[in-house]
Amino acid sequence: MKKKLNNHKVAIVMGSQSDFSTMKYTQKVLKTLKIKHEIRIVSAHRTPIRLYQFAKSVEKEKFSVIIAGAGGSAHLPGM
């Protein structure tokens, strides 16, 4: 049986608002492809509880893909 993915979405995760200047291109591609997505700002250093809550809620919120990146910080995608 084939699983329906029409209510699934992509999470674009970044550590701060300033990272959007890098991650906006990801959003542009997803919009062009008409893929549902949400942008989240989750700082492993400034908002560790938010990071934990996001990770815990991924399945419930039906995120099928998580794209994590940052403008100048390399630790976020590893978190």
PDB file of N, CA and C in Angstrom:
ATOM      1  N   MET A   1       0.833  -1.177   0.000  1.00  0.00           N
ATOM      2  CA  MET A   1       0.000   0.000   0.000  1.00  0.00           C
ATOM      3  C   MET A   1       0.885   1.250   0.000  1.00  0.00           C
ATOM      4  N   LYS A   2       0.583   2.170  -0.884  1.00  0.00           N
ATOM      5  CA  LYS A   2       1.378   3.389  -1.019  1.00  0.00           C
ATOM      6  C   LYS A   2       0.926   4.427   0.017  1.00  0.00           C
ATOM      7  N   LYS A   3       1.885   5.002   0.712  1.00  0.00           N
ATOM      8  CA  LYS A   3       1.596   5.994   1.735  1.00  0.00           C
ATOM      9  C   LYS A   3       1.386   7.366   1.098  1.00  0.00           C
ATOM     10  N   LYS A   4       0.315   8.056   1.480  1.00  0.00           N
ATOM     11  CA  LYS A   4       0.053   9.392   0.948  1.00  0.00           C
ATOM     12  C   LYS A   4       0.886  10.420   1.704  1.00  0.00           C
ATOM     13  N   LEU A   5       1.515  11.316   0.958  1.00  0.00           N
ATOM     14  CA  LEU A   5       2.349  12.344   1.557  1.00  0.00           C
ATOM     15  C   LEU A   5       1.798  13.751   1.347  1.00  0.00           C
ATOM     16  N   ASN A   6       0.561  13.865   0.884  1.00  0.00           N
ATOM     17  CA  ASN A   6       0.041  15.187   0.532  1.00  0.00           C
ATOM     18  C   ASN A   6      -0.140  16.117   1.733  1.00  0.00           C
ATOM     19  N   ASN A   7      -0.160  15.599   2.951  1.00  0.00           N
ATOM     20  CA  ASN A   7      -0.264  16.498   4.099  1.00  0.00           C
ATOM     21  C   ASN A   7       1.057  16.577   4.870  1.00  0.00           C
ATOM     22  N   HIS A   8       2.118  16.074   4.274  1.00  0.00           N
ATOM     23  CA  HIS A   8       3.441  16.188   4.871  1.00  0.00           C
ATOM     24  C   HIS A   8       4.111  17.463   4.378  1.00  0.00           C
ATOM     25  N   LYS A   9       5.169  17.871   5.092  1.00  0.00           N
ATOM     26  CA  LYS A   9       5.821  19.133   4.738  1.00  0.00           C
ATOM     27  C   LYS A   9       7.306  19.089   5.088  1.00  0.00           C
ATOM     28  N   VAL A  10       7.992  20.150   4.703  1.00  0.00           N
ATOM     29  CA  VAL A  10       9.428  20.302   4.929  1.00  0.00           C
ATOM     30  C   VAL A  10       9.637  21.374   5.996  1.00  0.00           C
ATOM     31  N   ALA A  11      10.558  21.126   6.909  1.00  0.00           N
ATOM     32  CA  ALA A  11      10.950  22.139   7.896  1.00  0.00           C
ATOM     33  C   ALA A  11      12.273  22.746   7.456  1.00  0.00           C
ATOM     34  N   ILE A  12      12.306  24.065   7.394  1.00  0.00           N
ATOM     35  CA  ILE A  12      13.554  24.796   7.156  1.00  0.00           C
ATOM     36  C   ILE A  12      13.946  25.368   8.513  1.00  0.00           C
ATOM     37  N   VAL A  13      15.073  24.904   9.035  1.00  0.00           N
ATOM     38  CA  VAL A  13      15.478  25.276  10.394  1.00  0.00           C
ATOM     39  C   VAL A  13      16.785  26.048  10.345  1.00  0.00           C
ATOM     40  N   MET A  14      16.824  27.152  11.100  1.00  0.00           N
ATOM     41  CA  MET A  14      18.030  27.971  11.172  1.00  0.00           C
ATOM     42  C   MET A  14      18.223  28.474  12.593  1.00  0.00           C
ATOM     43  N   GLY A  15      19.424  28.879  12.918  1.00  0.00           N
ATOM     44  CA  GLY A  15      19.746  29.282  14.274  1.00  0.00           C
ATOM     45  C   GLY A  15      19.334  30.691  14.656  1.00  0.00           C
ATOM     46  N   SER A  16      19.186  31.572  13.674  1.00  0.00           N
ATOM     47  CA  SER A  16      18.776  32.952  13.972  1.00  0.00           C
ATOM     48  C   SER A  16      18.160  33.590  12.729  1.00  0.00           C
ATOM     49  N   GLN A  17      17.489  34.696  12.934  1.00  0.00           N
ATOM     50  CA  GLN A  17      16.855  35.415  11.832  1.00  0.00           C
ATOM     51  C   GLN A  17      17.891  35.841  10.786  1.00  0.00           C
ATOM     52  N   SER A  18      19.098  36.145  11.219  1.00  0.00           N
ATOM     53  CA  SER A  18      20.126  36.590  10.264  1.00  0.00           C
ATOM     54  C   SER A  18      20.527  35.475   9.292  1.00  0.00           C
ATOM     55  N   ASP A  19      20.267  34.227   9.643  1.00  0.00           N
ATOM     56  CA  ASP A  19      20.584  33.107   8.747  1.00  0.00           C
ATOM     57  C   ASP A  19      19.629  33.032   7.558  1.00  0.00           C
ATOM     58  N   PHE A  20      18.517  33.762   7.628  1.00  0.00           N
ATOM     59  CA  PHE A  20      17.546  33.715   6.543  1.00  0.00           C
ATOM     60  C   PHE A  20      18.138  34.201   5.232  1.00  0.00           C
ATOM     61  N   SER A  21      19.120  35.092   5.298  1.00  0.00           N
ATOM     62  CA  SER A  21      19.732  35.569   4.054  1.00  0.00           C
ATOM     63  C   SER A  21      20.392  34.418   3.282  1.00  0.00           C
ATOM     64  N   THR A  22      20.790  33.380   3.978  1.00  0.00           N
ATOM     65  CA  THR A  22      21.325  32.175   3.339  1.00  0.00           C
ATOM     66  C   THR A  22      20.211  31.189   2.991  1.00  0.00           C
ATOM     67  N   MET A  23      19.296  30.978   3.924  1.00  0.00           N
ATOM     68  CA  MET A  23      18.275  29.940   3.781  1.00  0.00           C
ATOM     69  C   MET A  23      17.093  30.349   2.899  1.00  0.00           C
ATOM     70  N   LYS A  24      17.000  31.626   2.534  1.00  0.00           N
ATOM     71  CA  LYS A  24      15.872  32.074   1.715  1.00  0.00           C
ATOM     72  C   LYS A  24      15.836  31.382   0.350  1.00  0.00           C
ATOM     73  N   TYR A  25      16.987  30.933  -0.111  1.00  0.00           N
ATOM     74  CA  TYR A  25      17.027  30.249  -1.401  1.00  0.00           C
ATOM     75  C   TYR A  25      16.363  28.877  -1.312  1.00  0.00           C
ATOM     76  N   THR A  26      16.470  28.256  -0.167  1.00  0.00           N
ATOM     77  CA  THR A  26      15.771  26.991   0.071  1.00  0.00           C
ATOM     78  C   THR A  26      14.268  27.210  -0.005  1.00  0.00           C
ATOM     79  N   GLN A  27      13.802  28.254   0.646  1.00  0.00           N
ATOM     80  CA  GLN A  27      12.377  28.575   0.617  1.00  0.00           C
ATOM     81  C   GLN A  27      11.919  28.864  -0.813  1.00  0.00           C
ATOM     82  N   LYS A  28      12.719  29.569  -1.561  1.00  0.00           N
ATOM     83  CA  LYS A  28      12.375  29.913  -2.942  1.00  0.00           C
ATOM     84  C   LYS A  28      12.181  28.655  -3.789  1.00  0.00           C
ATOM     85  N   VAL A  29      13.084  27.691  -3.647  1.00  0.00           N
ATOM     86  CA  VAL A  29      12.964  26.438  -4.401  1.00  0.00           C
ATOM     87  C   VAL A  29      11.702  25.681  -4.001  1.00  0.00           C
ATOM     88  N   LEU A  30      11.444  25.587  -2.691  1.00  0.00           N
ATOM     89  CA  LEU A  30      10.250  24.873  -2.232  1.00  0.00           C
ATOM     90  C   LEU A  30       8.967  25.544  -2.726  1.00  0.00           C
ATOM     91  N   LYS A  31       8.943  26.870  -2.719  1.00  0.00           N
ATOM     92  CA  LYS A  31       7.780  27.584  -3.251  1.00  0.00           C
ATOM     93  C   LYS A  31       7.600  27.301  -4.737  1.00  0.00           C
ATOM     94  N   THR A  32       8.691  27.332  -5.484  1.00  0.00           N
ATOM     95  CA  THR A  32       8.634  27.064  -6.925  1.00  0.00           C
ATOM     96  C   THR A  32       8.084  25.670  -7.202  1.00  0.00           C
ATOM     97  N   LEU A  33       8.492  24.712  -6.380  1.00  0.00           N
ATOM     98  CA  LEU A  33       8.034  23.332  -6.544  1.00  0.00           C
ATOM     99  C   LEU A  33       6.686  23.062  -5.875  1.00  0.00           C
ATOM    100  N   LYS A  34       6.124  24.091  -5.253  1.00  0.00           N
ATOM    101  CA  LYS A  34       4.829  24.001  -4.555  1.00  0.00           C
ATOM    102  C   LYS A  34       4.833  22.925  -3.475  1.00  0.00           C
ATOM    103  N   ILE A  35       5.921  22.923  -2.697  1.00  0.00           N
ATOM    104  CA  ILE A  35       6.071  21.991  -1.584  1.00  0.00           C
ATOM    105  C   ILE A  35       5.765  22.737  -0.287  1.00  0.00           C
ATOM    106  N   LYS A  36       4.866  22.169   0.507  1.00  0.00           N
ATOM    107  CA  LYS A  36       4.514  22.791   1.783  1.00  0.00           C
ATOM    108  C   LYS A  36       5.734  22.811   2.690  1.00  0.00           C
ATOM    109  N   HIS A  37       5.922  23.934   3.377  1.00  0.00           N
ATOM    110  CA  HIS A  37       7.077  24.068   4.250  1.00  0.00           C
ATOM    111  C   HIS A  37       6.810  25.086   5.347  1.00  0.00           C
ATOM    112  N   GLU A  38       7.611  24.997   6.371  1.00  0.00           N
ATOM    113  CA  GLU A  38       7.583  25.964   7.469  1.00  0.00           C
ATOM    114  C   GLU A  38       9.018  26.336   7.800  1.00  0.00           C
ATOM    115  N   ILE A  39       9.193  27.571   8.244  1.00  0.00           N
ATOM    116  CA  ILE A  39      10.507  28.047   8.656  1.00  0.00           C
ATOM    117  C   ILE A  39      10.513  28.147  10.173  1.00  0.00           C
ATOM    118  N   ARG A  40      11.555  27.610  10.781  1.00  0.00           N
ATOM    119  CA  ARG A  40      11.690  27.654  12.235  1.00  0.00           C
ATOM    120  C   ARG A  40      13.058  28.213  12.596  1.00  0.00           C
ATOM    121  N   ILE A  41      13.076  29.072  13.604  1.00  0.00           N
ATOM    122  CA  ILE A  41      14.331  29.555  14.165  1.00  0.00           C
ATOM    123  C   ILE A  41      14.533  28.822  15.479  1.00  0.00           C
ATOM    124  N   VAL A  42      15.581  28.018  15.508  1.00  0.00           N
ATOM    125  CA  VAL A  42      15.859  27.161  16.658  1.00  0.00           C
ATOM    126  C   VAL A  42      17.343  27.261  16.968  1.00  0.00           C
ATOM    127  N   SER A  43      17.683  27.961  18.015  1.00  0.00           N
ATOM    128  CA  SER A  43      19.085  28.109  18.393  1.00  0.00           C
ATOM    129  C   SER A  43      19.461  27.065  19.436  1.00  0.00           C
ATOM    130  N   ALA A  44      20.452  26.261  19.116  1.00  0.00           N
ATOM    131  CA  ALA A  44      20.918  25.245  20.064  1.00  0.00           C
ATOM    132  C   ALA A  44      21.502  25.895  21.321  1.00  0.00           C
ATOM    133  N   HIS A  45      22.017  27.106  21.194  1.00  0.00           N
ATOM    134  CA  HIS A  45      22.617  27.790  22.339  1.00  0.00           C
ATOM    135  C   HIS A  45      21.627  28.682  23.075  1.00  0.00           C
ATOM    136  N   ARG A  46      20.841  29.459  22.329  1.00  0.00           N
ATOM    137  CA  ARG A  46      19.938  30.421  22.960  1.00  0.00           C
ATOM    138  C   ARG A  46      18.586  29.818  23.340  1.00  0.00           C
ATOM    139  N   THR A  47      18.133  28.820  22.595  1.00  0.00           N
ATOM    140  CA  THR A  47      16.812  28.239  22.871  1.00  0.00           C
ATOM    141  C   THR A  47      16.878  26.703  22.853  1.00  0.00           C
ATOM    142  N   PRO A  48      17.664  26.102  23.742  1.00  0.00           N
ATOM    143  CA  PRO A  48      17.788  24.645  23.727  1.00  0.00           C
ATOM    144  C   PRO A  48      16.471  23.922  24.004  1.00  0.00           C
ATOM    145  N   ILE A  49      15.600  24.510  24.799  1.00  0.00           N
ATOM    146  CA  ILE A  49      14.300  23.880  25.067  1.00  0.00           C
ATOM    147  C   ILE A  49      13.464  23.865  23.791  1.00  0.00           C
ATOM    148  N   ARG A  50      13.511  24.949  23.019  1.00  0.00           N
ATOM    149  CA  ARG A  50      12.793  24.996  21.736  1.00  0.00           C
ATOM    150  C   ARG A  50      13.333  23.923  20.788  1.00  0.00           C
ATOM    151  N   LEU A  51      14.643  23.732  20.777  1.00  0.00           N
ATOM    152  CA  LEU A  51      15.255  22.693  19.950  1.00  0.00           C
ATOM    153  C   LEU A  51      14.720  21.316  20.346  1.00  0.00           C
ATOM    154  N   TYR A  52      14.682  21.048  21.635  1.00  0.00           N
ATOM    155  CA  TYR A  52      14.181  19.767  22.128  1.00  0.00           C
ATOM    156  C   TYR A  52      12.704  19.588  21.751  1.00  0.00           C
ATOM    157  N   GLN A  53      11.902  20.624  21.954  1.00  0.00           N
ATOM    158  CA  GLN A  53      10.472  20.536  21.634  1.00  0.00           C
ATOM    159  C   GLN A  53      10.250  20.337  20.135  1.00  0.00           C
ATOM    160  N   PHE A  54      11.037  21.010  19.319  1.00  0.00           N
ATOM    161  CA  PHE A  54      10.922  20.837  17.872  1.00  0.00           C
ATOM    162  C   PHE A  54      11.236  19.389  17.493  1.00  0.00           C
ATOM    163  N   ALA A  55      12.355  18.875  17.978  1.00  0.00           N
ATOM    164  CA  ALA A  55      12.753  17.506  17.652  1.00  0.00           C
ATOM    165  C   ALA A  55      11.693  16.501  18.098  1.00  0.00           C
ATOM    166  N   LYS A  56      11.115  16.742  19.242  1.00  0.00           N
ATOM    167  CA  LYS A  56      10.093  15.839  19.784  1.00  0.00           C
ATOM    168  C   LYS A  56       8.790  15.884  18.975  1.00  0.00           C
ATOM    169  N   SER A  57       8.507  17.015  18.331  1.00  0.00           N
ATOM    170  CA  SER A  57       7.225  17.197  17.637  1.00  0.00           C
ATOM    171  C   SER A  57       7.276  16.944  16.131  1.00  0.00           C
ATOM    172  N   VAL A  58       8.427  16.605  15.594  1.00  0.00           N
ATOM    173  CA  VAL A  58       8.595  16.488  14.142  1.00  0.00           C
ATOM    174  C   VAL A  58       7.597  15.499  13.524  1.00  0.00           C
ATOM    175  N   GLU A  59       7.481  14.334  14.094  1.00  0.00           N
ATOM    176  CA  GLU A  59       6.583  13.326  13.531  1.00  0.00           C
ATOM    177  C   GLU A  59       5.121  13.765  13.647  1.00  0.00           C
ATOM    178  N   LYS A  60       4.738  14.276  14.799  1.00  0.00           N
ATOM    179  CA  LYS A  60       3.364  14.730  15.021  1.00  0.00           C
ATOM    180  C   LYS A  60       2.973  15.852  14.050  1.00  0.00           C
ATOM    181  N   GLU A  61       3.922  16.732  13.779  1.00  0.00           N
ATOM    182  CA  GLU A  61       3.651  17.857  12.872  1.00  0.00           C
ATOM    183  C   GLU A  61       3.797  17.482  11.398  1.00  0.00           C
ATOM    184  N   LYS A  62       4.112  16.219  11.132  1.00  0.00           N
ATOM    185  CA  LYS A  62       4.176  15.661   9.777  1.00  0.00           C
ATOM    186  C   LYS A  62       5.267  16.275   8.909  1.00  0.00           C
ATOM    187  N   PHE A  63       6.432  16.534   9.519  1.00  0.00           N
ATOM    188  CA  PHE A  63       7.582  16.946   8.732  1.00  0.00           C
ATOM    189  C   PHE A  63       8.232  15.687   8.165  1.00  0.00           C
ATOM    190  N   SER A  64       8.345  15.614   6.858  1.00  0.00           N
ATOM    191  CA  SER A  64       8.984  14.468   6.211  1.00  0.00           C
ATOM    192  C   SER A  64      10.467  14.725   5.967  1.00  0.00           C
ATOM    193  N   VAL A  65      10.820  16.005   5.861  1.00  0.00           N
ATOM    194  CA  VAL A  65      12.201  16.399   5.586  1.00  0.00           C
ATOM    195  C   VAL A  65      12.535  17.595   6.460  1.00  0.00           C
ATOM    196  N   ILE A  66      13.755  17.626   6.984  1.00  0.00           N
ATOM    197  CA  ILE A  66      14.245  18.776   7.729  1.00  0.00           C
ATOM    198  C   ILE A  66      15.499  19.271   7.022  1.00  0.00           C
ATOM    199  N   ILE A  67      15.473  20.540   6.625  1.00  0.00           N
ATOM    200  CA  ILE A  67      16.647  21.168   6.021  1.00  0.00           C
ATOM    201  C   ILE A  67      17.162  22.158   7.043  1.00  0.00           C
ATOM    202  N   ALA A  68      18.339  21.882   7.603  1.00  0.00           N
ATOM    203  CA  ALA A  68      18.917  22.740   8.637  1.00  0.00           C
ATOM    204  C   ALA A  68      20.179  23.383   8.096  1.00  0.00           C
ATOM    205  N   GLY A  69      20.299  24.655   8.337  1.00  0.00           N
ATOM    206  CA  GLY A  69      21.481  25.355   7.868  1.00  0.00           C
ATOM    207  C   GLY A  69      21.643  26.669   8.595  1.00  0.00           C
ATOM    208  N   ALA A  70      22.755  27.309   8.315  1.00  0.00           N
ATOM    209  CA  ALA A  70      23.048  28.578   8.958  1.00  0.00           C
ATOM    210  C   ALA A  70      23.948  29.401   8.059  1.00  0.00           C
ATOM    211  N   GLY A  71      23.935  30.689   8.285  1.00  0.00           N
ATOM    212  CA  GLY A  71      24.745  31.582   7.483  1.00  0.00           C
ATOM    213  C   GLY A  71      26.226  31.454   7.786  1.00  0.00           C
ATOM    214  N   GLY A  72      26.586  31.392   9.068  1.00  0.00           N
ATOM    215  CA  GLY A  72      28.000  31.346   9.403  1.00  0.00           C
ATOM    216  C   GLY A  72      28.324  30.372  10.505  1.00  0.00           C
ATOM    217  N   SER A  73      27.349  29.613  10.937  1.00  0.00           N
ATOM    218  CA  SER A  73      27.562  28.715  12.058  1.00  0.00           C
ATOM    219  C   SER A  73      27.388  27.269  11.628  1.00  0.00           C
ATOM    220  N   ALA A  74      28.334  26.449  11.959  1.00  0.00           N
ATOM    221  CA  ALA A  74      28.292  25.063  11.479  1.00  0.00           C
ATOM    222  C   ALA A  74      27.647  24.095  12.453  1.00  0.00           C
ATOM    223  N   HIS A  75      27.332  24.498  13.680  1.00  0.00           N
ATOM    224  CA  HIS A  75      26.842  23.534  14.654  1.00  0.00           C
ATOM    225  C   HIS A  75      25.355  23.193  14.501  1.00  0.00           C
ATOM    226  N   LEU A  76      24.539  24.077  13.942  1.00  0.00           N
ATOM    227  CA  LEU A  76      23.098  23.823  13.896  1.00  0.00           C
ATOM    228  C   LEU A  76      22.728  22.545  13.153  1.00  0.00           C
ATOM    229  N   PRO A  77      23.211  22.321  11.934  1.00  0.00           N
ATOM    230  CA  PRO A  77      22.805  21.094  11.249  1.00  0.00           C
ATOM    231  C   PRO A  77      23.143  19.828  12.026  1.00  0.00           C
ATOM    232  N   GLY A  78      24.210  19.858  12.817  1.00  0.00           N
ATOM    233  CA  GLY A  78      24.549  18.704  13.633  1.00  0.00           C
ATOM    234  C   GLY A  78      23.605  18.510  14.799  1.00  0.00           C
ATOM    235  N   MET A  79      23.018  19.577  15.272  1.00  0.00           N
ATOM    236  CA  MET A  79      22.090  19.471  16.398  1.00  0.00           C
ATOM    237  C   MET A  79      20.813  18.822  15.951  1.00  0.00           C
TER     238      MET A  79
END
